[in-house]
Amino acid sequence: MPDPESPPPRRPFQFTLGTLLLVTALVSVLAAALGGLLRRRQGAFEMPPGFFVLMTIAAPVAVLIFLSLAQSLLRWLNRRR
């Protein structure tokens, strides 16, 4: 039987689908703004359309990888305490 004075175990933090979609949308808008700024710069070279398709596919994957690494880092830091 667990000790009544010990705190209950904490549930690990989990990302919801809505959170992931919101973060992905924000990253996509920021990337589009940066792309527009770079395109307006004088002397900027033309990017092939395939590059934008690749970035559209890679952006959500990059966000998921980043969030997963951040979650792992937080878990590791909590374990060290």
PDB file of N, CA and C in Angstrom:
ATOM      1  N   MET A   1       0.839  -1.172   0.000  1.00  0.00           N
ATOM      2  CA  MET A   1       0.000   0.000   0.000  1.00  0.00           C
ATOM      3  C   MET A   1       0.894   1.248   0.000  1.00  0.00           C
ATOM      4  N   PRO A   2       0.583   2.237  -0.864  1.00  0.00           N
ATOM      5  CA  PRO A   2       1.429   3.423  -0.929  1.00  0.00           C
ATOM      6  C   PRO A   2       1.337   4.258   0.341  1.00  0.00           C
ATOM      7  N   ASP A   3       2.419   4.962   0.604  1.00  0.00           N
ATOM      8  CA  ASP A   3       2.490   5.832   1.763  1.00  0.00           C
ATOM      9  C   ASP A   3       1.485   6.987   1.593  1.00  0.00           C
ATOM     10  N   PRO A   4       0.596   7.234   2.565  1.00  0.00           N
ATOM     11  CA  PRO A   4      -0.413   8.285   2.393  1.00  0.00           C
ATOM     12  C   PRO A   4       0.183   9.695   2.359  1.00  0.00           C
ATOM     13  N   GLU A   5       1.400   9.867   2.868  1.00  0.00           N
ATOM     14  CA  GLU A   5       2.011  11.191   2.877  1.00  0.00           C
ATOM     15  C   GLU A   5       2.765  11.503   1.576  1.00  0.00           C
ATOM     16  N   SER A   6       3.046  10.500   0.790  1.00  0.00           N
ATOM     17  CA  SER A   6       3.787  10.757  -0.454  1.00  0.00           C
ATOM     18  C   SER A   6       2.838  11.366  -1.484  1.00  0.00           C
ATOM     19  N   PRO A   7       3.361  12.307  -2.288  1.00  0.00           N
ATOM     20  CA  PRO A   7       2.499  12.925  -3.307  1.00  0.00           C
ATOM     21  C   PRO A   7       2.166  11.920  -4.405  1.00  0.00           C
ATOM     22  N   PRO A   8       1.024  12.075  -5.034  1.00  0.00           N
ATOM     23  CA  PRO A   8       0.673  11.143  -6.110  1.00  0.00           C
ATOM     24  C   PRO A   8       1.631  11.316  -7.284  1.00  0.00           C
ATOM     25  N   PRO A   9       1.887  10.267  -8.030  1.00  0.00           N
ATOM     26  CA  PRO A   9       2.813  10.379  -9.160  1.00  0.00           C
ATOM     27  C   PRO A   9       2.243  11.341 -10.205  1.00  0.00           C
ATOM     28  N   ARG A  10       3.144  12.145 -10.776  1.00  0.00           N
ATOM     29  CA  ARG A  10       2.726  13.112 -11.782  1.00  0.00           C
ATOM     30  C   ARG A  10       2.592  12.440 -13.135  1.00  0.00           C
ATOM     31  N   ARG A  11       1.557  12.804 -13.838  1.00  0.00           N
ATOM     32  CA  ARG A  11       1.367  12.299 -15.191  1.00  0.00           C
ATOM     33  C   ARG A  11       2.321  13.042 -16.121  1.00  0.00           C
ATOM     34  N   PRO A  12       2.998  12.350 -17.017  1.00  0.00           N
ATOM     35  CA  PRO A  12       3.932  13.044 -17.912  1.00  0.00           C
ATOM     36  C   PRO A  12       3.176  14.009 -18.826  1.00  0.00           C
ATOM     37  N   PHE A  13       3.837  15.104 -19.154  1.00  0.00           N
ATOM     38  CA  PHE A  13       3.244  16.099 -20.042  1.00  0.00           C
ATOM     39  C   PHE A  13       3.071  15.511 -21.425  1.00  0.00           C
ATOM     40  N   GLN A  14       1.896  15.707 -21.999  1.00  0.00           N
ATOM     41  CA  GLN A  14       1.625  15.204 -23.340  1.00  0.00           C
ATOM     42  C   GLN A  14       1.102  16.345 -24.202  1.00  0.00           C
ATOM     43  N   PHE A  15       1.517  16.346 -25.465  1.00  0.00           N
ATOM     44  CA  PHE A  15       1.029  17.345 -26.402  1.00  0.00           C
ATOM     45  C   PHE A  15      -0.275  16.850 -27.002  1.00  0.00           C
ATOM     46  N   THR A  16      -1.235  17.740 -27.115  1.00  0.00           N
ATOM     47  CA  THR A  16      -2.476  17.383 -27.790  1.00  0.00           C
ATOM     48  C   THR A  16      -2.341  17.705 -29.273  1.00  0.00           C
ATOM     49  N   LEU A  17      -3.230  17.166 -30.055  1.00  0.00           N
ATOM     50  CA  LEU A  17      -3.193  17.416 -31.492  1.00  0.00           C
ATOM     51  C   LEU A  17      -3.405  18.899 -31.784  1.00  0.00           C
ATOM     52  N   GLY A  18      -4.270  19.532 -31.023  1.00  0.00           N
ATOM     53  CA  GLY A  18      -4.505  20.965 -31.211  1.00  0.00           C
ATOM     54  C   GLY A  18      -3.259  21.794 -30.966  1.00  0.00           C
ATOM     55  N   THR A  19      -2.495  21.435 -29.927  1.00  0.00           N
ATOM     56  CA  THR A  19      -1.255  22.149 -29.630  1.00  0.00           C
ATOM     57  C   THR A  19      -0.259  21.991 -30.772  1.00  0.00           C
ATOM     58  N   LEU A  20      -0.124  20.782 -31.277  1.00  0.00           N
ATOM     59  CA  LEU A  20       0.812  20.546 -32.378  1.00  0.00           C
ATOM     60  C   LEU A  20       0.391  21.298 -33.634  1.00  0.00           C
ATOM     61  N   LEU A  21      -0.917  21.326 -33.913  1.00  0.00           N
ATOM     62  CA  LEU A  21      -1.387  22.057 -35.085  1.00  0.00           C
ATOM     63  C   LEU A  21      -1.168  23.562 -34.927  1.00  0.00           C
ATOM     64  N   LEU A  22      -1.377  24.080 -33.733  1.00  0.00           N
ATOM     65  CA  LEU A  22      -1.165  25.500 -33.488  1.00  0.00           C
ATOM     66  C   LEU A  22       0.303  25.868 -33.651  1.00  0.00           C
ATOM     67  N   VAL A  23       1.194  25.086 -33.083  1.00  0.00           N
ATOM     68  CA  VAL A  23       2.629  25.366 -33.196  1.00  0.00           C
ATOM     69  C   VAL A  23       3.073  25.248 -34.657  1.00  0.00           C
ATOM     70  N   THR A  24       2.569  24.248 -35.361  1.00  0.00           N
ATOM     71  CA  THR A  24       2.922  24.085 -36.771  1.00  0.00           C
ATOM     72  C   THR A  24       2.432  25.274 -37.593  1.00  0.00           C
ATOM     73  N   ALA A  25       1.221  25.744 -37.308  1.00  0.00           N
ATOM     74  CA  ALA A  25       0.686  26.896 -38.040  1.00  0.00           C
ATOM     75  C   ALA A  25       1.536  28.142 -37.771  1.00  0.00           C
ATOM     76  N   LEU A  26       1.928  28.349 -36.523  1.00  0.00           N
ATOM     77  CA  LEU A  26       2.759  29.509 -36.199  1.00  0.00           C
ATOM     78  C   LEU A  26       4.114  29.443 -36.901  1.00  0.00           C
ATOM     79  N   VAL A  27       4.725  28.269 -36.884  1.00  0.00           N
ATOM     80  CA  VAL A  27       6.022  28.113 -37.560  1.00  0.00           C
ATOM     81  C   VAL A  27       5.871  28.329 -39.063  1.00  0.00           C
ATOM     82  N   SER A  28       4.784  27.855 -39.632  1.00  0.00           N
ATOM     83  CA  SER A  28       4.560  28.026 -41.067  1.00  0.00           C
ATOM     84  C   SER A  28       4.376  29.495 -41.438  1.00  0.00           C
ATOM     85  N   VAL A  29       3.620  30.232 -40.625  1.00  0.00           N
ATOM     86  CA  VAL A  29       3.415  31.662 -40.897  1.00  0.00           C
ATOM     87  C   VAL A  29       4.733  32.420 -40.775  1.00  0.00           C
ATOM     88  N   LEU A  30       5.513  32.117 -39.748  1.00  0.00           N
ATOM     89  CA  LEU A  30       6.809  32.775 -39.594  1.00  0.00           C
ATOM     90  C   LEU A  30       7.756  32.433 -40.743  1.00  0.00           C
ATOM     91  N   ALA A  31       7.739  31.188 -41.182  1.00  0.00           N
ATOM     92  CA  ALA A  31       8.593  30.791 -42.302  1.00  0.00           C
ATOM     93  C   ALA A  31       8.155  31.483 -43.595  1.00  0.00           C
ATOM     94  N   ALA A  32       6.849  31.629 -43.794  1.00  0.00           N
ATOM     95  CA  ALA A  32       6.356  32.318 -44.986  1.00  0.00           C
ATOM     96  C   ALA A  32       6.746  33.797 -44.952  1.00  0.00           C
ATOM     97  N   ALA A  33       6.659  34.414 -43.779  1.00  0.00           N
ATOM     98  CA  ALA A  33       7.063  35.821 -43.659  1.00  0.00           C
ATOM     99  C   ALA A  33       8.553  35.984 -43.943  1.00  0.00           C
ATOM    100  N   LEU A  34       9.355  35.083 -43.410  1.00  0.00           N
ATOM    101  CA  LEU A  34      10.794  35.135 -43.674  1.00  0.00           C
ATOM    102  C   LEU A  34      11.089  34.928 -45.152  1.00  0.00           C
ATOM    103  N   GLY A  35      10.380  33.993 -45.771  1.00  0.00           N
ATOM    104  CA  GLY A  35      10.566  33.762 -47.203  1.00  0.00           C
ATOM    105  C   GLY A  35      10.198  34.978 -48.029  1.00  0.00           C
ATOM    106  N   GLY A  36       9.114  35.662 -47.635  1.00  0.00           N
ATOM    107  CA  GLY A  36       8.730  36.884 -48.334  1.00  0.00           C
ATOM    108  C   GLY A  36       9.763  37.978 -48.181  1.00  0.00           C
ATOM    109  N   LEU A  37      10.334  38.103 -46.986  1.00  0.00           N
ATOM    110  CA  LEU A  37      11.379  39.107 -46.775  1.00  0.00           C
ATOM    111  C   LEU A  37      12.620  38.797 -47.602  1.00  0.00           C
ATOM    112  N   LEU A  38      12.986  37.533 -47.653  1.00  0.00           N
ATOM    113  CA  LEU A  38      14.171  37.153 -48.420  1.00  0.00           C
ATOM    114  C   LEU A  38      13.947  37.344 -49.912  1.00  0.00           C
ATOM    115  N   ARG A  39      12.732  37.120 -50.364  1.00  0.00           N
ATOM    116  CA  ARG A  39      12.445  37.250 -51.791  1.00  0.00           C
ATOM    117  C   ARG A  39      12.486  38.724 -52.220  1.00  0.00           C
ATOM    118  N   ARG A  40      12.061  39.619 -51.342  1.00  0.00           N
ATOM    119  CA  ARG A  40      12.045  41.045 -51.682  1.00  0.00           C
ATOM    120  C   ARG A  40      13.439  41.672 -51.657  1.00  0.00           C
ATOM    121  N   ARG A  41      14.351  41.021 -50.980  1.00  0.00           N
ATOM    122  CA  ARG A  41      15.697  41.568 -50.888  1.00  0.00           C
ATOM    123  C   ARG A  41      16.316  41.655 -52.283  1.00  0.00           C
ATOM    124  N   GLN A  42      17.017  42.714 -52.563  1.00  0.00           N
ATOM    125  CA  GLN A  42      17.601  42.881 -53.893  1.00  0.00           C
ATOM    126  C   GLN A  42      18.698  41.850 -54.110  1.00  0.00           C
ATOM    127  N   GLY A  43      18.707  41.318 -55.301  1.00  0.00           N
ATOM    128  CA  GLY A  43      19.731  40.353 -55.659  1.00  0.00           C
ATOM    129  C   GLY A  43      19.450  38.944 -55.156  1.00  0.00           C
ATOM    130  N   ALA A  44      18.263  38.721 -54.613  1.00  0.00           N
ATOM    131  CA  ALA A  44      17.934  37.375 -54.127  1.00  0.00           C
ATOM    132  C   ALA A  44      17.711  36.451 -55.326  1.00  0.00           C
ATOM    133  N   PHE A  45      18.169  35.237 -55.217  1.00  0.00           N
ATOM    134  CA  PHE A  45      17.998  34.291 -56.307  1.00  0.00           C
ATOM    135  C   PHE A  45      16.642  33.602 -56.189  1.00  0.00           C
ATOM    136  N   GLU A  46      16.149  33.119 -57.297  1.00  0.00           N
ATOM    137  CA  GLU A  46      14.854  32.447 -57.330  1.00  0.00           C
ATOM    138  C   GLU A  46      14.973  31.035 -56.767  1.00  0.00           C
ATOM    139  N   MET A  47      14.060  30.700 -55.899  1.00  0.00           N
ATOM    140  CA  MET A  47      14.017  29.347 -55.351  1.00  0.00           C
ATOM    141  C   MET A  47      13.113  28.486 -56.232  1.00  0.00           C
ATOM    142  N   PRO A  48      13.502  27.264 -56.502  1.00  0.00           N
ATOM    143  CA  PRO A  48      12.634  26.401 -57.304  1.00  0.00           C
ATOM    144  C   PRO A  48      11.364  26.043 -56.518  1.00  0.00           C
ATOM    145  N   PRO A  49      10.250  25.822 -57.203  1.00  0.00           N
ATOM    146  CA  PRO A  49       8.994  25.498 -56.502  1.00  0.00           C
ATOM    147  C   PRO A  49       9.095  24.214 -55.671  1.00  0.00           C
ATOM    148  N   GLY A  50       9.930  23.290 -56.083  1.00  0.00           N
ATOM    149  CA  GLY A  50      10.095  22.046 -55.325  1.00  0.00           C
ATOM    150  C   GLY A  50      10.630  22.293 -53.921  1.00  0.00           C
ATOM    151  N   PHE A  51      11.410  23.352 -53.753  1.00  0.00           N
ATOM    152  CA  PHE A  51      11.941  23.688 -52.441  1.00  0.00           C
ATOM    153  C   PHE A  51      10.808  24.021 -51.476  1.00  0.00           C
ATOM    154  N   PHE A  52       9.819  24.791 -51.954  1.00  0.00           N
ATOM    155  CA  PHE A  52       8.698  25.173 -51.105  1.00  0.00           C
ATOM    156  C   PHE A  52       7.830  23.965 -50.754  1.00  0.00           C
ATOM    157  N   VAL A  53       7.690  23.051 -51.696  1.00  0.00           N
ATOM    158  CA  VAL A  53       6.939  21.823 -51.417  1.00  0.00           C
ATOM    159  C   VAL A  53       7.668  21.000 -50.354  1.00  0.00           C
ATOM    160  N   LEU A  54       8.985  20.899 -50.496  1.00  0.00           N
ATOM    161  CA  LEU A  54       9.780  20.156 -49.520  1.00  0.00           C
ATOM    162  C   LEU A  54       9.677  20.787 -48.134  1.00  0.00           C
ATOM    163  N   MET A  55       9.736  22.121 -48.061  1.00  0.00           N
ATOM    164  CA  MET A  55       9.636  22.814 -46.768  1.00  0.00           C
ATOM    165  C   MET A  55       8.244  22.667 -46.167  1.00  0.00           C
ATOM    166  N   THR A  56       7.206  22.606 -47.009  1.00  0.00           N
ATOM    167  CA  THR A  56       5.848  22.403 -46.516  1.00  0.00           C
ATOM    168  C   THR A  56       5.717  21.041 -45.854  1.00  0.00           C
ATOM    169  N   ILE A  57       6.385  20.065 -46.397  1.00  0.00           N
ATOM    170  CA  ILE A  57       6.341  18.720 -45.813  1.00  0.00           C
ATOM    171  C   ILE A  57       7.253  18.636 -44.593  1.00  0.00           C
ATOM    172  N   ALA A  58       8.410  19.294 -44.651  1.00  0.00           N
ATOM    173  CA  ALA A  58       9.397  19.168 -43.582  1.00  0.00           C
ATOM    174  C   ALA A  58       9.067  20.008 -42.351  1.00  0.00           C
ATOM    175  N   ALA A  59       8.317  21.093 -42.491  1.00  0.00           N
ATOM    176  CA  ALA A  59       8.046  21.977 -41.348  1.00  0.00           C
ATOM    177  C   ALA A  59       7.311  21.258 -40.209  1.00  0.00           C
ATOM    178  N   PRO A  60       6.220  20.539 -40.470  1.00  0.00           N
ATOM    179  CA  PRO A  60       5.566  19.843 -39.350  1.00  0.00           C
ATOM    180  C   PRO A  60       6.443  18.767 -38.723  1.00  0.00           C
ATOM    181  N   VAL A  61       7.222  18.093 -39.545  1.00  0.00           N
ATOM    182  CA  VAL A  61       8.117  17.064 -39.011  1.00  0.00           C
ATOM    183  C   VAL A  61       9.173  17.703 -38.125  1.00  0.00           C
ATOM    184  N   ALA A  62       9.712  18.838 -38.552  1.00  0.00           N
ATOM    185  CA  ALA A  62      10.719  19.537 -37.747  1.00  0.00           C
ATOM    186  C   ALA A  62      10.123  20.014 -36.427  1.00  0.00           C
ATOM    187  N   VAL A  63       8.894  20.485 -36.438  1.00  0.00           N
ATOM    188  CA  VAL A  63       8.236  20.923 -35.200  1.00  0.00           C
ATOM    189  C   VAL A  63       8.058  19.738 -34.254  1.00  0.00           C
ATOM    190  N   LEU A  64       7.619  18.614 -34.776  1.00  0.00           N
ATOM    191  CA  LEU A  64       7.450  17.427 -33.931  1.00  0.00           C
ATOM    192  C   LEU A  64       8.775  16.967 -33.339  1.00  0.00           C
ATOM    193  N   ILE A  65       9.830  16.983 -34.135  1.00  0.00           N
ATOM    194  CA  ILE A  65      11.143  16.584 -33.631  1.00  0.00           C
ATOM    195  C   ILE A  65      11.607  17.539 -32.545  1.00  0.00           C
ATOM    196  N   PHE A  66      11.439  18.846 -32.773  1.00  0.00           N
ATOM    197  CA  PHE A  66      11.851  19.832 -31.778  1.00  0.00           C
ATOM    198  C   PHE A  66      11.080  19.657 -30.474  1.00  0.00           C
ATOM    199  N   LEU A  67       9.769  19.499 -30.560  1.00  0.00           N
ATOM    200  CA  LEU A  67       8.965  19.332 -29.345  1.00  0.00           C
ATOM    201  C   LEU A  67       9.309  18.034 -28.617  1.00  0.00           C
ATOM    202  N   SER A  68       9.599  16.990 -29.363  1.00  0.00           N
ATOM    203  CA  SER A  68       9.987  15.730 -28.743  1.00  0.00           C
ATOM    204  C   SER A  68      11.328  15.865 -28.020  1.00  0.00           C
ATOM    205  N   LEU A  69      12.274  16.563 -28.646  1.00  0.00           N
ATOM    206  CA  LEU A  69      13.563  16.785 -27.988  1.00  0.00           C
ATOM    207  C   LEU A  69      13.417  17.656 -26.745  1.00  0.00           C
ATOM    208  N   ALA A  70      12.561  18.671 -26.814  1.00  0.00           N
ATOM    209  CA  ALA A  70      12.329  19.529 -25.645  1.00  0.00           C
ATOM    210  C   ALA A  70      11.701  18.733 -24.510  1.00  0.00           C
ATOM    211  N   GLN A  71      10.753  17.875 -24.832  1.00  0.00           N
ATOM    212  CA  GLN A  71      10.115  17.034 -23.814  1.00  0.00           C
ATOM    213  C   GLN A  71      11.141  16.072 -23.203  1.00  0.00           C
ATOM    214  N   SER A  72      11.996  15.485 -24.013  1.00  0.00           N
ATOM    215  CA  SER A  72      13.023  14.578 -23.500  1.00  0.00           C
ATOM    216  C   SER A  72      14.012  15.317 -22.613  1.00  0.00           C
ATOM    217  N   LEU A  73      14.377  16.543 -23.003  1.00  0.00           N
ATOM    218  CA  LEU A  73      15.294  17.339 -22.197  1.00  0.00           C
ATOM    219  C   LEU A  73      14.674  17.678 -20.846  1.00  0.00           C
ATOM    220  N   LEU A  74      13.417  18.067 -20.835  1.00  0.00           N
ATOM    221  CA  LEU A  74      12.740  18.364 -19.567  1.00  0.00           C
ATOM    222  C   LEU A  74      12.655  17.128 -18.678  1.00  0.00           C
ATOM    223  N   ARG A  75      12.362  16.002 -19.281  1.00  0.00           N
ATOM    224  CA  ARG A  75      12.283  14.748 -18.511  1.00  0.00           C
ATOM    225  C   ARG A  75      13.651  14.408 -17.915  1.00  0.00           C
ATOM    226  N   TRP A  76      14.719  14.615 -18.695  1.00  0.00           N
ATOM    227  CA  TRP A  76      16.070  14.323 -18.217  1.00  0.00           C
ATOM    228  C   TRP A  76      16.459  15.271 -17.086  1.00  0.00           C
ATOM    229  N   LEU A  77      16.111  16.556 -17.225  1.00  0.00           N
ATOM    230  CA  LEU A  77      16.432  17.521 -16.171  1.00  0.00           C
ATOM    231  C   LEU A  77      15.669  17.220 -14.883  1.00  0.00           C
ATOM    232  N   ASN A  78      14.417  16.802 -14.993  1.00  0.00           N
ATOM    233  CA  ASN A  78      13.645  16.441 -13.802  1.00  0.00           C
ATOM    234  C   ASN A  78      14.183  15.199 -13.116  1.00  0.00           C
ATOM    235  N   ARG A  79      14.718  14.295 -13.905  1.00  0.00           N
ATOM    236  CA  ARG A  79      15.278  13.069 -13.326  1.00  0.00           C
ATOM    237  C   ARG A  79      16.568  13.342 -12.563  1.00  0.00           C
ATOM    238  N   ARG A  80      17.320  14.357 -12.980  1.00  0.00           N
ATOM    239  CA  ARG A  80      18.584  14.681 -12.330  1.00  0.00           C
ATOM    240  C   ARG A  80      18.390  15.294 -10.950  1.00  0.00           C
ATOM    241  N   ARG A  81      17.222  15.878 -10.690  1.00  0.00           N
ATOM    242  CA  ARG A  81      16.972  16.547  -9.406  1.00  0.00           C
ATOM    243  C   ARG A  81      16.769  15.579  -8.293  1.00  0.00           C
TER     244      ARG A  81
END
